[in-house]
Amino acid sequence: MYAIVEIAGLQYKVEQDQQLYVNRLQGDAGVEVSFDRVLLTDNGSVQVGAPVIDGVSVVAKIVEHVKGDKVIVFKKKRRKGYKKKNGHRQQFTKIEIVSIGGGKAKAAKKETKVEEKAEKAPVKKAAKKTDDLTLIEGIGPKAAETLVAAKIDTFAKLSKKSVEDIKAVLEAGENLAHLDPETWAKQAALAAEGKFDELKAWQDELDGGKTA
């Protein structure tokens, strides 16, 4: 059986026991997470959602958090004397697919407290929606953690905050007051609407989350 599922704004074809890298997720290694935006399943017969399939979810276990290869971003404006060179390493999370369809995985034999909690209350986990705020340029893991602690844990919530509101949250955190959230709400609005291609194109023009 395989499924097409949306994880952190991107779509993946997954099977049980498969390991893959996705955009960074919130949670520690060993924790199980549930994704309820399943667009298609094939278990002998194909079931297509409109746009998602009700009652079907994909459960995965976080294996580790890693960083991708370094990418050099060089910007230059002709006849302006403007040159800027930055490096970027995208953050990823390695996950292992535990089950598809909401049931217990056949291969899941470890009875840890985290797994028991996930099996007893899968609906509750699926209902709690959080977004990977590090997809917003300028927000690192520490800033994302501070925003989530302030209950700003989705793109939609972040998009409704003013620059002053976000700055107030950052100033309450540790060593975050220097960050400039000028474009964070607008970036989050695009992410909340699923316009990730448009968001990526705009981020290519930004400088660390700020307008160049």
Protein backbone atom coordinates (compact mmCIF):
# COMPACT_ATOMS: atom_id res chain seq x y z
CA MET A 1 0.00 0.00 0.00
CA TYR A 2 1.21 3.49 -0.75
CA ALA A 3 -0.20 6.98 -0.28
CA ILE A 4 0.32 10.51 -1.54
CA VAL A 5 0.52 12.79 1.51
CA GLU A 6 1.20 16.47 2.05
CA ILE A 7 3.97 17.13 4.60
CA ALA A 8 5.13 20.67 5.42
CA GLY A 9 3.64 22.04 2.21
CA LEU A 10 5.12 19.41 -0.14
CA GLN A 11 3.64 16.18 -1.50
CA TYR A 12 5.35 12.80 -1.11
CA LYS A 13 4.61 9.24 -2.22
CA VAL A 14 5.16 7.08 0.88
CA GLU A 15 5.01 3.42 1.88
CA GLN A 16 5.21 1.75 5.28
CA ASP A 17 8.76 1.50 6.73
CA GLN A 18 10.06 3.99 4.13
CA GLN A 19 12.52 6.62 5.31
CA LEU A 20 12.63 10.06 3.71
CA TYR A 21 13.75 13.62 4.29
CA VAL A 22 11.16 16.41 4.59
CA ASN A 23 11.29 20.09 5.53
CA ARG A 24 12.08 20.42 9.23
CA LEU A 25 9.28 19.40 11.59
CA GLN A 26 8.68 20.35 15.20
CA GLY A 27 9.47 17.56 17.68
CA ASP A 28 12.33 15.53 19.11
CA ALA A 29 13.82 12.34 17.68
CA GLY A 30 11.67 9.31 18.51
CA VAL A 31 8.39 11.25 18.62
CA GLU A 32 5.57 10.15 16.33
CA VAL A 33 3.73 12.69 14.19
CA SER A 34 0.54 12.29 12.20
CA PHE A 35 -0.30 13.82 8.80
CA ASP A 36 -3.98 13.93 7.85
CA ARG A 37 -3.70 15.59 4.43
CA VAL A 38 -3.71 12.31 2.48
CA LEU A 39 -4.54 12.99 -1.17
CA LEU A 40 -4.50 9.42 -2.54
CA THR A 41 -4.15 5.83 -1.35
CA ASP A 42 -3.67 2.57 -3.27
CA ASN A 43 -4.36 -0.70 -1.44
CA GLY A 44 -5.42 -2.77 -4.43
CA SER A 45 -7.92 -0.09 -5.38
CA VAL A 46 -7.16 3.60 -5.76
CA GLN A 47 -8.96 6.09 -3.51
CA VAL A 48 -8.66 9.77 -4.42
CA GLY A 49 -9.51 12.61 -2.04
CA ALA A 50 -11.44 15.78 -2.81
CA PRO A 51 -8.95 17.22 -2.04
CA VAL A 52 -8.12 14.96 0.96
CA ILE A 53 -9.45 11.58 2.13
CA ASP A 54 -11.46 11.83 5.36
CA GLY A 55 -10.44 9.52 8.18
CA VAL A 56 -7.11 8.50 6.63
CA SER A 57 -3.77 9.63 8.02
CA VAL A 58 -0.10 8.77 7.75
CA VAL A 59 1.81 8.22 10.99
CA ALA A 60 5.58 8.71 10.96
CA LYS A 61 8.39 8.66 13.51
CA ILE A 62 11.03 11.40 13.64
CA VAL A 63 14.45 9.77 13.21
CA GLU A 64 16.71 12.83 13.30
CA HIS A 65 17.08 16.47 12.32
CA VAL A 66 19.80 17.28 9.76
CA LYS A 67 21.03 20.13 7.56
CA GLY A 68 21.36 19.96 3.79
CA ASP A 69 24.40 20.88 1.72
CA LYS A 70 25.50 24.49 1.83
CA VAL A 71 24.14 26.64 -0.98
CA ILE A 72 25.89 29.85 -1.97
CA VAL A 73 23.57 32.72 -2.91
CA PHE A 74 25.30 35.54 -4.82
CA LYS A 75 23.45 38.71 -5.74
CA LYS A 76 24.74 41.38 -8.08
CA LYS A 77 23.21 44.47 -9.65
CA ARG A 78 24.82 45.63 -12.85
CA ARG A 79 26.32 49.12 -12.88
CA LYS A 80 25.17 49.63 -9.27
CA GLY A 81 28.27 48.43 -7.48
CA TYR A 82 26.09 46.04 -5.48
CA LYS A 83 27.37 42.58 -4.61
CA LYS A 84 26.27 40.33 -1.79
CA LYS A 85 27.23 36.75 -1.00
CA ASN A 86 25.35 34.58 1.49
CA GLY A 87 25.41 30.92 2.45
CA HIS A 88 22.38 28.83 3.33
CA ARG A 89 21.86 25.30 4.64
CA GLN A 90 18.28 24.06 4.49
CA GLN A 91 17.09 22.19 7.56
CA PHE A 92 15.48 18.79 7.06
CA THR A 93 13.91 16.10 9.23
CA LYS A 94 14.45 12.40 8.53
CA ILE A 95 11.26 10.44 9.21
CA GLU A 96 10.22 6.79 8.99
CA ILE A 97 6.69 5.91 7.91
CA VAL A 98 5.06 3.83 10.67
CA SER A 99 1.56 3.31 9.29
CA ILE A 100 -0.86 4.44 6.60
CA GLY A 101 -4.56 4.66 7.29
CA GLY A 102 -4.48 5.43 10.99
CA GLY A 103 -3.97 1.85 12.21
CA LYS A 104 -1.05 0.43 14.16
CA ALA A 105 1.98 -0.53 12.12
CA LYS A 106 2.75 -4.26 11.93
CA ALA A 107 6.44 -3.65 12.34
CA ALA A 108 6.11 -1.33 15.35
CA LYS A 109 7.14 -3.59 18.21
CA LYS A 110 8.69 -1.04 20.57
CA GLU A 111 6.31 -0.08 23.35
CA THR A 112 7.65 3.30 24.37
CA LYS A 113 5.48 5.76 26.25
CA VAL A 114 5.45 8.10 23.26
CA GLU A 115 4.26 5.33 20.90
CA GLU A 116 1.58 4.18 23.32
CA LYS A 117 0.24 7.71 23.60
CA ALA A 118 0.18 8.10 19.80
CA GLU A 119 -1.67 4.78 19.34
CA LYS A 120 -4.28 5.56 21.98
CA ALA A 121 -5.06 9.05 20.73
CA PRO A 122 -4.21 9.34 17.00
CA VAL A 123 -7.21 11.58 16.34
CA LYS A 124 -6.07 14.07 18.96
CA LYS A 125 -2.60 14.28 17.40
CA ALA A 126 -4.00 14.79 13.92
CA ALA A 127 -6.31 17.53 15.18
CA LYS A 128 -3.45 19.60 16.61
CA LYS A 129 -2.14 21.44 13.57
CA THR A 130 1.23 23.15 13.66
CA ASP A 131 3.35 24.47 10.80
CA ASP A 132 7.11 24.49 10.28
CA LEU A 133 7.78 28.18 10.83
CA THR A 134 11.43 27.79 9.77
CA LEU A 135 10.16 27.76 6.17
CA ILE A 136 9.79 31.52 6.62
CA GLU A 137 13.09 33.15 5.65
CA GLY A 138 14.60 34.85 8.69
CA ILE A 139 13.11 32.42 11.23
CA GLY A 140 15.55 29.92 12.67
CA PRO A 141 14.83 27.01 15.05
CA LYS A 142 15.23 29.19 18.15
CA ALA A 143 12.94 31.93 16.85
CA ALA A 144 10.38 29.31 15.76
CA GLU A 145 10.46 27.76 19.24
CA THR A 146 9.86 31.17 20.81
CA LEU A 147 6.92 31.90 18.50
CA VAL A 148 5.36 28.48 19.16
CA ALA A 149 5.72 29.07 22.91
CA ALA A 150 3.74 32.28 22.37
CA LYS A 151 1.02 30.19 20.65
CA ILE A 152 1.98 31.50 17.20
CA ASP A 153 2.38 27.99 15.79
CA THR A 154 0.80 28.18 12.33
CA PHE A 155 1.35 30.22 9.18
CA ALA A 156 -2.19 31.58 9.50
CA LYS A 157 -1.60 32.90 13.04
CA LEU A 158 1.73 34.45 12.09
CA SER A 159 0.22 36.14 9.03
CA LYS A 160 -2.23 38.05 11.28
CA LYS A 161 0.46 39.47 13.55
CA SER A 162 1.88 42.96 13.11
CA VAL A 163 5.61 43.65 13.02
CA GLU A 164 5.32 45.21 16.50
CA ASP A 165 3.56 42.13 17.90
CA ILE A 166 6.25 39.81 16.55
CA LYS A 167 9.05 42.05 17.83
CA ALA A 168 7.50 41.99 21.30
CA VAL A 169 7.57 38.18 21.28
CA LEU A 170 11.18 38.10 20.06
CA GLU A 171 12.34 40.62 22.68
CA ALA A 172 10.92 38.33 25.36
CA GLY A 173 13.09 35.49 24.02
CA GLU A 174 16.82 34.96 24.45
CA ASN A 175 19.14 36.79 22.01
CA LEU A 176 16.38 37.32 19.42
CA ALA A 177 15.79 41.06 19.65
CA HIS A 178 18.15 41.70 16.70
CA LEU A 179 15.90 39.83 14.25
CA ASP A 180 13.86 41.89 11.78
CA PRO A 181 10.37 40.38 11.18
CA GLU A 182 9.44 42.95 8.53
CA THR A 183 8.32 40.36 5.95
CA TRP A 184 7.43 37.40 8.18
CA ALA A 185 3.66 38.00 8.20
CA LYS A 186 3.51 38.42 4.41
CA GLN A 187 5.62 35.29 3.87
CA ALA A 188 3.36 33.38 6.28
CA ALA A 189 0.26 34.56 4.40
CA LEU A 190 1.59 33.00 1.17
CA ALA A 191 2.48 29.77 3.01
CA ALA A 192 -0.96 29.62 4.66
CA GLU A 193 -2.57 29.82 1.22
CA GLY A 194 -0.29 27.06 -0.12
CA LYS A 195 1.48 29.43 -2.54
CA PHE A 196 4.92 27.92 -1.90
CA ASP A 197 6.22 28.51 -5.43
CA GLU A 198 5.38 32.21 -5.15
CA LEU A 199 6.90 32.28 -1.65
CA LYS A 200 10.13 30.65 -2.85
CA ALA A 201 10.42 33.13 -5.74
CA TRP A 202 10.02 36.07 -3.34
CA GLN A 203 12.50 34.59 -0.84
CA ASP A 204 15.12 34.51 -3.59
CA GLU A 205 14.86 38.30 -3.64
CA LEU A 206 15.03 38.72 0.14
CA ASP A 207 18.16 39.15 2.21
CA GLY A 208 17.82 37.05 5.36
CA GLY A 209 14.08 37.70 5.43
CA LYS A 210 14.44 41.42 4.78
CA THR A 211 13.83 43.37 1.59
CA ALA A 212 17.15 44.03 -0.16
